Structures are given as structure tokens and as C-alpha cells.
Amino acid sequence: MYKHFDKHIVAAVFFTALLTNSVYSQTTEKSSPPAPTVFALINGVKLTSDVFDIALSNYIQQGLKDSNELREQVKNELIAKEVLSQESTKLGLDKNTNVQAQLSLMRESYLADVVISRFLEKNPVTEEMLRAEYKRQLDALAGTDQYLLSQIVLSTESDAKAALKALQNGDNFDKIAKERSIDTSKTNGGSLGWVIPSQIIPALSNVMVNLKKGSISAGPIQTQSGWHIIKVDDKRPFKAPSFEESKQQLTQAVLLQKRNEYIQKLVKAAKVEAR
């Protein structure tokens, strides 16, 4: 239901996160790291502590607690992966064209993340940048209305019409949403919270802005997600969160902007011959 914003339209970052929790790899540069030690030898191939440390760190970042059990699990997994990798090579699977293409994509994706991470570490987000972005977003949203929106989503038009008829006969919107909607919002009685028109697809926002407080769409609205019945529970002028409340989202927005600008700079400097 929610639209994707391009690099020029990030005003709605007050309401939606633009980046996942870990878009960039956490690779950092360290001076003179200790020499890795070998923790296992598989058919003559060494498995070293530097690989183990990265694998363990990935698990810890996912919320697992460092423990002897986790460390043993990581070692066993790395051993199993090396055995499988050797078997794959033995069978010649590494020569497969699709396998080679996948490996190439994985390598390029990782190296891209590393160079972006390095750039952002050397060009950190400043308080001044965040305040400038906050002001820009406030200016962009000046005069905008917010709508407290609820929805019921059905898989077919006939189901949506039946639900709409039940609502017109006096059934509770919250009840119908919980009982019939196929959208995850059903757990909240169909409530999507406070939204602005630019946050949702035009098929719904064009109807939403013309509904009065407490009114329901006259008919089902079709989108790629199904057939929607929407209700405007309330309406108010845009209420901006404070700078401190939106600091995390602002940081994500500025990081995304810096990332896009860096990529575009490199692309423009490169000799690209499309064929």
C-alpha cells in the first residue's frame, strides 16, 4: 500500500523508515590487527579466527548472546560450510555458469556495501545536516493535512462489496476488519494511524482526501494488494514531531541522500558503455 520515495521525496520520513536497521556492512578499518589463528584444518584448508570472529559478530548483531555454546555452533557451521564448499568444487559445480554469476553478484554487492560504508564513516552526518533536513521537511509539509485512516482489504470485489454492504447495514468497521480483512492492519481493527496523502498510493489517497470525518469510501477500491474499503476516522493539520523525536529518521534520510549522491558521483565519473 505504501509508496516508495525517490531520493528527492523524503518528506514522509517522519512516518516511514527509509532504511533497514543495517543497510551498510559494519566493516571498519583497524591498524595492525593481530595475526589470525587456525581453529580447524579441513582436508588441508585452514579455517582461521578472523573468519570466525566475523561470523560470530553477525550472530551477536542479530541479538544472540555471546556464549560458549554459540561459539561452538559457529565453529561447527563454518566447518560444515567448508566441507560443502569443497564437495561443490569436487563435483565441478563451481564451474556452472549460473553459479559463477551468483558468486560474482555476491562479491560485487559486498564490495559495494564496503565502499559505501567507508565513505559514510569518513563523511559522518552532522547536527547541522540533520537540522537542515528537518527544516526542509517541515517546509515541504507546510499546509498538509493528516488523516487517521482505517482500511479493510479483501481478495475479491465480491467479498469487498459484501463487507461494504455489512458496514452500510450498521456493522462495526473495526469488527469487520478483524474478521474479514486480509491485511496485517486487521489486528488493529484496520487502523493505519495518521497518514498524509503522499504516503499512500494515489488510488487510495485521491479518495481519502475527499472523505469527511467518519465517512467510508462509496465503493471498493482496487490495488495490487486487493480490494480496499477505507474510512477516515479523523482529520487534522499536519502535526510535526519535534527535532529530537525525529532524529533517528532524519539520520536515515540524510544517510540515504549522501549514499545516493556518492553513487551518482562515481557513476558519472565512470566510462559507461551501455549495450
C-alpha atoms as a PDB file:
ATOM      1  CA  MET A   1       0.000   0.000   0.000  1.00  0.00           C
ATOM      2  CA  TYR A   2       2.747   2.435   0.874  1.00  0.00           C
ATOM      3  CA  LYS A   3       4.680   4.047  -1.957  1.00  0.00           C
ATOM      4  CA  HIS A   4       8.438   4.104  -2.328  1.00  0.00           C
ATOM      5  CA  PHE A   5      10.022   7.546  -2.215  1.00  0.00           C
ATOM      6  CA  ASP A   6      12.838   8.537  -4.559  1.00  0.00           C
ATOM      7  CA  LYS A   7      15.877  10.469  -3.403  1.00  0.00           C
ATOM      8  CA  HIS A   8      14.122  13.801  -3.948  1.00  0.00           C
ATOM      9  CA  ILE A   9      10.987  12.962  -1.959  1.00  0.00           C
ATOM     10  CA  VAL A  10      11.803  12.102   1.628  1.00  0.00           C
ATOM     11  CA  ALA A  11       9.373  14.386   3.457  1.00  0.00           C
ATOM     12  CA  ALA A  12       7.383  11.444   4.726  1.00  0.00           C
ATOM     13  CA  VAL A  13      10.384  10.100   6.596  1.00  0.00           C
ATOM     14  CA  PHE A  14       8.609  11.415   9.699  1.00  0.00           C
ATOM     15  CA  PHE A  15       6.296   8.437   9.308  1.00  0.00           C
ATOM     16  CA  THR A  16       8.190   5.716   7.485  1.00  0.00           C
ATOM     17  CA  ALA A  17      11.723   4.394   7.893  1.00  0.00           C
ATOM     18  CA  LEU A  18      13.668   4.693   4.655  1.00  0.00           C
ATOM     19  CA  LEU A  19      16.407   2.276   5.551  1.00  0.00           C
ATOM     20  CA  THR A  20      16.541  -1.035   7.271  1.00  0.00           C
ATOM     21  CA  ASN A  21      18.366  -1.367  10.562  1.00  0.00           C
ATOM     22  CA  SER A  22      21.597  -2.458   8.869  1.00  0.00           C
ATOM     23  CA  VAL A  23      21.843  -1.309   5.258  1.00  0.00           C
ATOM     24  CA  TYR A  24      25.587  -0.998   5.334  1.00  0.00           C
ATOM     25  CA  SER A  25      28.125  -3.579   6.457  1.00  0.00           C
ATOM     26  CA  GLN A  26      29.873  -2.623   9.672  1.00  0.00           C
ATOM     27  CA  THR A  27      33.360  -3.031   8.235  1.00  0.00           C
ATOM     28  CA  THR A  28      35.838  -0.745   9.966  1.00  0.00           C
ATOM     29  CA  GLU A  29      39.485  -0.106   9.346  1.00  0.00           C
ATOM     30  CA  LYS A  30      41.852  -1.188  12.102  1.00  0.00           C
ATOM     31  CA  SER A  31      45.561  -0.689  12.258  1.00  0.00           C
ATOM     32  CA  SER A  32      47.837  -3.701  12.691  1.00  0.00           C
ATOM     33  CA  PRO A  33      45.228  -6.367  13.582  1.00  0.00           C
ATOM     34  CA  PRO A  34      46.598  -9.468  15.298  1.00  0.00           C
ATOM     35  CA  ALA A  35      47.544 -12.322  13.006  1.00  0.00           C
ATOM     36  CA  PRO A  36      44.654 -14.808  12.674  1.00  0.00           C
ATOM     37  CA  THR A  37      44.995 -18.232  14.237  1.00  0.00           C
ATOM     38  CA  VAL A  38      43.821 -21.550  12.809  1.00  0.00           C
ATOM     39  CA  PHE A  39      40.916 -23.205  14.623  1.00  0.00           C
ATOM     40  CA  ALA A  40      40.338 -26.082  12.179  1.00  0.00           C
ATOM     41  CA  LEU A  41      42.020 -27.814   9.246  1.00  0.00           C
ATOM     42  CA  ILE A  42      39.675 -29.342   6.642  1.00  0.00           C
ATOM     43  CA  ASN A  43      41.406 -31.539   4.072  1.00  0.00           C
ATOM     44  CA  GLY A  44      44.402 -29.233   4.352  1.00  0.00           C
ATOM     45  CA  VAL A  45      42.373 -25.971   4.162  1.00  0.00           C
ATOM     46  CA  LYS A  46      42.794 -23.665   7.134  1.00  0.00           C
ATOM     47  CA  LEU A  47      39.803 -22.104   8.890  1.00  0.00           C
ATOM     48  CA  THR A  48      41.019 -19.016  10.697  1.00  0.00           C
ATOM     49  CA  SER A  49      39.953 -16.883  13.632  1.00  0.00           C
ATOM     50  CA  ASP A  50      39.292 -13.755  11.529  1.00  0.00           C
ATOM     51  CA  VAL A  51      36.511 -15.561   9.629  1.00  0.00           C
ATOM     52  CA  PHE A  52      35.192 -16.978  12.900  1.00  0.00           C
ATOM     53  CA  ASP A  53      35.116 -13.514  14.504  1.00  0.00           C
ATOM     54  CA  ILE A  54      33.057 -12.075  11.640  1.00  0.00           C
ATOM     55  CA  ALA A  55      30.595 -14.981  11.715  1.00  0.00           C
ATOM     56  CA  LEU A  56      30.221 -14.686  15.490  1.00  0.00           C
ATOM     57  CA  SER A  57      29.756 -10.919  15.251  1.00  0.00           C
ATOM     58  CA  ASN A  58      26.949 -11.380  12.707  1.00  0.00           C
ATOM     59  CA  TYR A  59      25.048 -13.582  15.154  1.00  0.00           C
ATOM     60  CA  ILE A  60      25.581 -11.165  18.042  1.00  0.00           C
ATOM     61  CA  GLN A  61      24.297  -8.267  15.916  1.00  0.00           C
ATOM     62  CA  GLN A  62      21.128 -10.315  15.357  1.00  0.00           C
ATOM     63  CA  GLY A  63      20.541 -10.331  19.114  1.00  0.00           C
ATOM     64  CA  LEU A  64      22.137 -13.602  20.206  1.00  0.00           C
ATOM     65  CA  LYS A  65      24.247 -13.569  23.354  1.00  0.00           C
ATOM     66  CA  ASP A  66      27.917 -14.485  23.140  1.00  0.00           C
ATOM     67  CA  SER A  67      28.431 -17.836  24.855  1.00  0.00           C
ATOM     68  CA  ASN A  68      30.491 -20.997  24.640  1.00  0.00           C
ATOM     69  CA  GLU A  69      27.501 -22.742  23.058  1.00  0.00           C
ATOM     70  CA  LEU A  70      27.165 -20.076  20.355  1.00  0.00           C
ATOM     71  CA  ARG A  71      30.897 -20.156  19.644  1.00  0.00           C
ATOM     72  CA  GLU A  72      30.809 -23.935  19.273  1.00  0.00           C
ATOM     73  CA  GLN A  73      27.795 -23.625  16.954  1.00  0.00           C
ATOM     74  CA  VAL A  74      29.607 -21.071  14.780  1.00  0.00           C
ATOM     75  CA  LYS A  75      32.688 -23.281  14.517  1.00  0.00           C
ATOM     76  CA  ASN A  76      30.586 -26.291  13.509  1.00  0.00           C
ATOM     77  CA  GLU A  77      28.729 -24.252  10.896  1.00  0.00           C
ATOM     78  CA  LEU A  78      31.960 -22.939   9.384  1.00  0.00           C
ATOM     79  CA  ILE A  79      33.385 -26.447   9.253  1.00  0.00           C
ATOM     80  CA  ALA A  80      30.224 -27.759   7.571  1.00  0.00           C
ATOM     81  CA  LYS A  81      30.253 -24.918   5.035  1.00  0.00           C
ATOM     82  CA  GLU A  82      33.893 -25.581   4.148  1.00  0.00           C
ATOM     83  CA  VAL A  83      33.176 -29.302   3.693  1.00  0.00           C
ATOM     84  CA  LEU A  84      30.201 -28.483   1.443  1.00  0.00           C
ATOM     85  CA  SER A  85      32.229 -25.925  -0.489  1.00  0.00           C
ATOM     86  CA  GLN A  86      34.977 -28.450  -1.122  1.00  0.00           C
ATOM     87  CA  GLU A  87      32.405 -31.025  -2.250  1.00  0.00           C
ATOM     88  CA  SER A  88      30.858 -28.487  -4.615  1.00  0.00           C
ATOM     89  CA  THR A  89      34.253 -27.815  -6.164  1.00  0.00           C
ATOM     90  CA  LYS A  90      35.000 -31.559  -6.340  1.00  0.00           C
ATOM     91  CA  LEU A  91      31.778 -32.069  -8.311  1.00  0.00           C
ATOM     92  CA  GLY A  92      32.622 -29.173 -10.620  1.00  0.00           C
ATOM     93  CA  LEU A  93      29.591 -27.118  -9.565  1.00  0.00           C
ATOM     94  CA  ASP A  94      31.761 -24.021  -9.195  1.00  0.00           C
ATOM     95  CA  LYS A  95      32.236 -24.112 -12.990  1.00  0.00           C
ATOM     96  CA  ASN A  96      28.486 -23.787 -13.614  1.00  0.00           C
ATOM     97  CA  THR A  97      27.667 -20.518 -15.414  1.00  0.00           C
ATOM     98  CA  ASN A  98      24.771 -19.624 -13.089  1.00  0.00           C
ATOM     99  CA  VAL A  99      26.851 -20.380 -10.002  1.00  0.00           C
ATOM    100  CA  GLN A 100      29.679 -18.182 -11.257  1.00  0.00           C
ATOM    101  CA  ALA A 101      27.201 -15.370 -11.997  1.00  0.00           C
ATOM    102  CA  GLN A 102      25.705 -15.621  -8.490  1.00  0.00           C
ATOM    103  CA  LEU A 103      29.159 -15.573  -6.904  1.00  0.00           C
ATOM    104  CA  SER A 104      30.051 -12.518  -8.969  1.00  0.00           C
ATOM    105  CA  LEU A 105      26.886 -10.708  -7.854  1.00  0.00           C
ATOM    106  CA  MET A 106      27.544 -11.563  -4.202  1.00  0.00           C
ATOM    107  CA  ARG A 107      31.100 -10.281  -4.464  1.00  0.00           C
ATOM    108  CA  GLU A 108      30.052  -7.033  -6.162  1.00  0.00           C
ATOM    109  CA  SER A 109      27.240  -6.424  -3.657  1.00  0.00           C
ATOM    110  CA  TYR A 110      29.544  -6.910  -0.698  1.00  0.00           C
ATOM    111  CA  LEU A 111      32.287  -4.697  -2.119  1.00  0.00           C
ATOM    112  CA  ALA A 112      29.673  -2.025  -2.896  1.00  0.00           C
ATOM    113  CA  ASP A 113      28.493  -2.118   0.728  1.00  0.00           C
ATOM    114  CA  VAL A 114      32.065  -1.886   1.973  1.00  0.00           C
ATOM    115  CA  VAL A 115      32.965   1.173  -0.112  1.00  0.00           C
ATOM    116  CA  ILE A 116      29.706   2.940   0.827  1.00  0.00           C
ATOM    117  CA  SER A 117      30.301   2.148   4.491  1.00  0.00           C
ATOM    118  CA  ARG A 118      33.830   3.518   4.245  1.00  0.00           C
ATOM    119  CA  PHE A 119      32.582   6.711   2.584  1.00  0.00           C
ATOM    120  CA  LEU A 120      29.933   7.289   5.258  1.00  0.00           C
ATOM    121  CA  GLU A 121      32.418   6.664   8.057  1.00  0.00           C
ATOM    122  CA  LYS A 122      34.736   9.294   6.593  1.00  0.00           C
ATOM    123  CA  ASN A 123      31.836  11.683   5.905  1.00  0.00           C
ATOM    124  CA  PRO A 124      29.625  11.422   9.002  1.00  0.00           C
ATOM    125  CA  VAL A 125      26.220  13.036   9.408  1.00  0.00           C
ATOM    126  CA  THR A 126      26.423  16.273  11.394  1.00  0.00           C
ATOM    127  CA  GLU A 127      23.909  18.044  13.611  1.00  0.00           C
ATOM    128  CA  GLU A 128      23.820  20.864  11.078  1.00  0.00           C
ATOM    129  CA  MET A 129      22.825  18.441   8.306  1.00  0.00           C
ATOM    130  CA  LEU A 130      20.052  16.982  10.444  1.00  0.00           C
ATOM    131  CA  ARG A 131      18.610  20.387  11.321  1.00  0.00           C
ATOM    132  CA  ALA A 132      18.734  21.461   7.676  1.00  0.00           C
ATOM    133  CA  GLU A 133      16.881  18.296   6.668  1.00  0.00           C
ATOM    134  CA  TYR A 134      14.343  18.823   9.456  1.00  0.00           C
ATOM    135  CA  LYS A 135      13.615  22.345   8.212  1.00  0.00           C
ATOM    136  CA  ARG A 136      13.392  21.162   4.598  1.00  0.00           C
ATOM    137  CA  GLN A 137      10.849  18.522   5.525  1.00  0.00           C
ATOM    138  CA  LEU A 138       8.789  20.945   7.607  1.00  0.00           C
ATOM    139  CA  ASP A 139       8.699  23.390   4.707  1.00  0.00           C
ATOM    140  CA  ALA A 140       7.690  20.625   2.295  1.00  0.00           C
ATOM    141  CA  LEU A 141       4.820  19.547   4.549  1.00  0.00           C
ATOM    142  CA  ALA A 142       3.505  23.035   5.316  1.00  0.00           C
ATOM    143  CA  GLY A 143      -0.252  23.183   4.796  1.00  0.00           C
ATOM    144  CA  THR A 144      -0.603  19.409   4.555  1.00  0.00           C
ATOM    145  CA  ASP A 145      -3.457  17.620   6.301  1.00  0.00           C
ATOM    146  CA  GLN A 146      -3.138  14.342   8.178  1.00  0.00           C
ATOM    147  CA  TYR A 147      -5.786  11.655   8.112  1.00  0.00           C
ATOM    148  CA  LEU A 148      -6.461   8.976  10.716  1.00  0.00           C
ATOM    149  CA  LEU A 149      -7.115   6.172   8.268  1.00  0.00           C
ATOM    150  CA  SER A 150      -8.546   2.675   8.573  1.00  0.00           C
ATOM    151  CA  GLN A 151      -8.980   0.044   5.900  1.00  0.00           C
ATOM    152  CA  ILE A 152     -10.470  -3.341   5.132  1.00  0.00           C
ATOM    153  CA  VAL A 153      -8.745  -5.292   2.361  1.00  0.00           C
ATOM    154  CA  LEU A 154     -10.413  -8.235   0.610  1.00  0.00           C
ATOM    155  CA  SER A 155      -9.082 -10.514  -2.105  1.00  0.00           C
ATOM    156  CA  THR A 156     -12.092 -10.201  -4.448  1.00  0.00           C
ATOM    157  CA  GLU A 157     -14.503  -7.454  -5.457  1.00  0.00           C
ATOM    158  CA  SER A 158     -17.495  -9.552  -4.422  1.00  0.00           C
ATOM    159  CA  ASP A 159     -16.071 -10.033  -0.929  1.00  0.00           C
ATOM    160  CA  ALA A 160     -15.384  -6.297  -0.688  1.00  0.00           C
ATOM    161  CA  LYS A 161     -18.922  -5.426  -1.786  1.00  0.00           C
ATOM    162  CA  ALA A 162     -20.341  -7.840   0.785  1.00  0.00           C
ATOM    163  CA  ALA A 163     -18.223  -6.237   3.532  1.00  0.00           C
ATOM    164  CA  LEU A 164     -19.282  -2.749   2.400  1.00  0.00           C
ATOM    165  CA  LYS A 165     -22.940  -3.774   2.485  1.00  0.00           C
ATOM    166  CA  ALA A 166     -22.491  -5.069   6.030  1.00  0.00           C
ATOM    167  CA  LEU A 167     -20.995  -1.717   7.027  1.00  0.00           C
ATOM    168  CA  GLN A 168     -23.859   0.158   5.397  1.00  0.00           C
ATOM    169  CA  ASN A 169     -26.263  -2.007   7.388  1.00  0.00           C
ATOM    170  CA  GLY A 170     -24.655  -0.859  10.624  1.00  0.00           C
ATOM    171  CA  ASP A 171     -21.890  -3.384  11.300  1.00  0.00           C
ATOM    172  CA  ASN A 172     -18.820  -2.045  13.112  1.00  0.00           C
ATOM    173  CA  PHE A 173     -15.812  -1.228  10.876  1.00  0.00           C
ATOM    174  CA  ASP A 174     -13.354  -2.488  13.490  1.00  0.00           C
ATOM    175  CA  LYS A 175     -15.233  -5.790  13.773  1.00  0.00           C
ATOM    176  CA  ILE A 176     -15.428  -6.368  10.010  1.00  0.00           C
ATOM    177  CA  ALA A 177     -11.738  -5.551   9.616  1.00  0.00           C
ATOM    178  CA  LYS A 178     -10.710  -8.055  12.300  1.00  0.00           C
ATOM    179  CA  GLU A 179     -12.985 -10.780  10.922  1.00  0.00           C
ATOM    180  CA  ARG A 180     -12.535 -10.394   7.150  1.00  0.00           C
ATOM    181  CA  SER A 181      -9.550  -8.227   6.156  1.00  0.00           C
ATOM    182  CA  ILE A 182      -6.538  -9.950   4.601  1.00  0.00           C
ATOM    183  CA  ASP A 183      -4.187  -7.089   5.535  1.00  0.00           C
ATOM    184  CA  THR A 184      -1.975  -7.156   8.633  1.00  0.00           C
ATOM    185  CA  SER A 185      -3.746  -3.997   9.816  1.00  0.00           C
ATOM    186  CA  LYS A 186      -6.671  -6.243  10.767  1.00  0.00           C
ATOM    187  CA  THR A 187      -5.059  -6.809  14.174  1.00  0.00           C
ATOM    188  CA  ASN A 188      -5.631  -3.095  14.877  1.00  0.00           C
ATOM    189  CA  GLY A 189      -9.164  -3.104  13.533  1.00  0.00           C
ATOM    190  CA  GLY A 190      -7.848  -1.883  10.181  1.00  0.00           C
ATOM    191  CA  SER A 191      -6.222   1.257  11.611  1.00  0.00           C
ATOM    192  CA  LEU A 192      -3.209   2.620   9.728  1.00  0.00           C
ATOM    193  CA  GLY A 193      -2.680   5.536  12.105  1.00  0.00           C
ATOM    194  CA  TRP A 194      -2.093   9.105  10.966  1.00  0.00           C
ATOM    195  CA  VAL A 195      -1.011   9.373   7.326  1.00  0.00           C
ATOM    196  CA  ILE A 196      -0.543  12.097   4.739  1.00  0.00           C
ATOM    197  CA  PRO A 197      -1.623  11.743   1.076  1.00  0.00           C
ATOM    198  CA  SER A 198       1.932  11.314  -0.264  1.00  0.00           C
ATOM    199  CA  GLN A 199       2.397   8.218   1.902  1.00  0.00           C
ATOM    200  CA  ILE A 200      -0.180   6.087   0.163  1.00  0.00           C
ATOM    201  CA  ILE A 201      -0.865   5.191  -3.448  1.00  0.00           C
ATOM    202  CA  PRO A 202      -2.984   7.668  -5.459  1.00  0.00           C
ATOM    203  CA  ALA A 203      -5.867   5.206  -5.891  1.00  0.00           C
ATOM    204  CA  LEU A 204      -6.476   5.446  -2.136  1.00  0.00           C
ATOM    205  CA  SER A 205      -5.240   8.956  -1.348  1.00  0.00           C
ATOM    206  CA  ASN A 206      -7.441  10.502  -4.054  1.00  0.00           C
ATOM    207  CA  VAL A 207     -10.490   9.018  -2.311  1.00  0.00           C
ATOM    208  CA  MET A 208      -9.234   9.701   1.207  1.00  0.00           C
ATOM    209  CA  VAL A 209      -8.823  13.458   0.752  1.00  0.00           C
ATOM    210  CA  ASN A 210     -12.454  13.769  -0.362  1.00  0.00           C
ATOM    211  CA  LEU A 211     -13.951  11.868   2.585  1.00  0.00           C
ATOM    212  CA  LYS A 212     -15.396  13.645   5.587  1.00  0.00           C
ATOM    213  CA  LYS A 213     -14.536  12.675   9.136  1.00  0.00           C
ATOM    214  CA  GLY A 214     -16.206   9.352   9.985  1.00  0.00           C
ATOM    215  CA  SER A 215     -17.167   8.542   6.382  1.00  0.00           C
ATOM    216  CA  ILE A 216     -16.399   5.409   4.362  1.00  0.00           C
ATOM    217  CA  SER A 217     -15.498   5.069   0.689  1.00  0.00           C
ATOM    218  CA  ALA A 218     -18.582   4.662  -1.508  1.00  0.00           C
ATOM    219  CA  GLY A 219     -17.219   1.563  -3.194  1.00  0.00           C
ATOM    220  CA  PRO A 220     -14.296  -0.869  -3.088  1.00  0.00           C
ATOM    221  CA  ILE A 221     -11.004   0.458  -4.463  1.00  0.00           C
ATOM    222  CA  GLN A 222      -8.786  -1.954  -6.382  1.00  0.00           C
ATOM    223  CA  THR A 223      -5.000  -2.020  -5.920  1.00  0.00           C
ATOM    224  CA  GLN A 224      -2.320  -4.668  -6.340  1.00  0.00           C
ATOM    225  CA  SER A 225      -2.950  -5.691  -2.723  1.00  0.00           C
ATOM    226  CA  GLY A 226      -6.649  -6.380  -3.234  1.00  0.00           C
ATOM    227  CA  TRP A 227      -9.923  -4.504  -2.872  1.00  0.00           C
ATOM    228  CA  HIS A 228      -9.903  -1.743  -0.240  1.00  0.00           C
ATOM    229  CA  ILE A 229     -12.624  -0.130   1.792  1.00  0.00           C
ATOM    230  CA  ILE A 230     -11.265   2.919   3.585  1.00  0.00           C
ATOM    231  CA  LYS A 231     -12.575   5.071   6.411  1.00  0.00           C
ATOM    232  CA  VAL A 232     -11.368   8.479   7.589  1.00  0.00           C
ATOM    233  CA  ASP A 233     -11.652   8.350  11.376  1.00  0.00           C
ATOM    234  CA  ASP A 234     -10.302  11.863  11.897  1.00  0.00           C
ATOM    235  CA  LYS A 235      -8.541  14.721  10.130  1.00  0.00           C
ATOM    236  CA  ARG A 236      -6.184  17.460  11.319  1.00  0.00           C
ATOM    237  CA  PRO A 237      -3.493  19.847  10.038  1.00  0.00           C
ATOM    238  CA  PHE A 238      -0.083  18.197   9.805  1.00  0.00           C
ATOM    239  CA  LYS A 239       1.435  17.850  13.255  1.00  0.00           C
ATOM    240  CA  ALA A 240       5.217  17.633  13.042  1.00  0.00           C
ATOM    241  CA  PRO A 241       7.196  15.643  15.610  1.00  0.00           C
ATOM    242  CA  SER A 242       9.967  17.523  17.395  1.00  0.00           C
ATOM    243  CA  PHE A 243      13.524  17.507  16.091  1.00  0.00           C
ATOM    244  CA  GLU A 244      14.587  15.119  18.860  1.00  0.00           C
ATOM    245  CA  GLU A 245      11.673  12.751  18.190  1.00  0.00           C
ATOM    246  CA  SER A 246      12.532  12.512  14.502  1.00  0.00           C
ATOM    247  CA  LYS A 247      16.329  12.486  14.828  1.00  0.00           C
ATOM    248  CA  GLN A 248      16.737   8.798  14.005  1.00  0.00           C
ATOM    249  CA  GLN A 249      14.573   9.047  10.876  1.00  0.00           C
ATOM    250  CA  LEU A 250      16.330  12.257   9.850  1.00  0.00           C
ATOM    251  CA  THR A 251      19.682  10.498  10.160  1.00  0.00           C
ATOM    252  CA  GLN A 252      18.425   7.710   7.901  1.00  0.00           C
ATOM    253  CA  ALA A 253      17.176  10.248   5.358  1.00  0.00           C
ATOM    254  CA  VAL A 254      20.480  12.132   5.278  1.00  0.00           C
ATOM    255  CA  LEU A 255      22.439   8.868   5.027  1.00  0.00           C
ATOM    256  CA  LEU A 256      20.296   7.813   2.083  1.00  0.00           C
ATOM    257  CA  GLN A 257      20.818  11.173   0.402  1.00  0.00           C
ATOM    258  CA  LYS A 258      24.593  11.063   0.948  1.00  0.00           C
ATOM    259  CA  ARG A 259      24.685   7.469  -0.315  1.00  0.00           C
ATOM    260  CA  ASN A 260      22.754   8.351  -3.498  1.00  0.00           C
ATOM    261  CA  GLU A 261      24.904  11.410  -4.176  1.00  0.00           C
ATOM    262  CA  TYR A 262      28.094   9.373  -3.734  1.00  0.00           C
ATOM    263  CA  ILE A 263      26.857   6.653  -6.097  1.00  0.00           C
ATOM    264  CA  GLN A 264      25.786   9.178  -8.731  1.00  0.00           C
ATOM    265  CA  LYS A 265      29.158  10.919  -8.492  1.00  0.00           C
ATOM    266  CA  LEU A 266      31.001   7.642  -9.117  1.00  0.00           C
ATOM    267  CA  VAL A 267      28.649   6.632 -11.948  1.00  0.00           C
ATOM    268  CA  LYS A 268      29.085  10.000 -13.705  1.00  0.00           C
ATOM    269  CA  ALA A 269      32.876   9.719 -13.392  1.00  0.00           C
ATOM    270  CA  ALA A 270      32.901   6.191 -14.820  1.00  0.00           C
ATOM    271  CA  LYS A 271      33.081   5.336 -18.506  1.00  0.00           C
ATOM    272  CA  VAL A 272      29.796   3.503 -19.017  1.00  0.00           C
ATOM    273  CA  GLU A 273      29.072   1.936 -22.394  1.00  0.00           C
ATOM    274  CA  ALA A 274      25.552   0.506 -22.409  1.00  0.00           C
ATOM    275  CA  ARG A 275      24.980  -2.233 -24.986  1.00  0.00           C
END
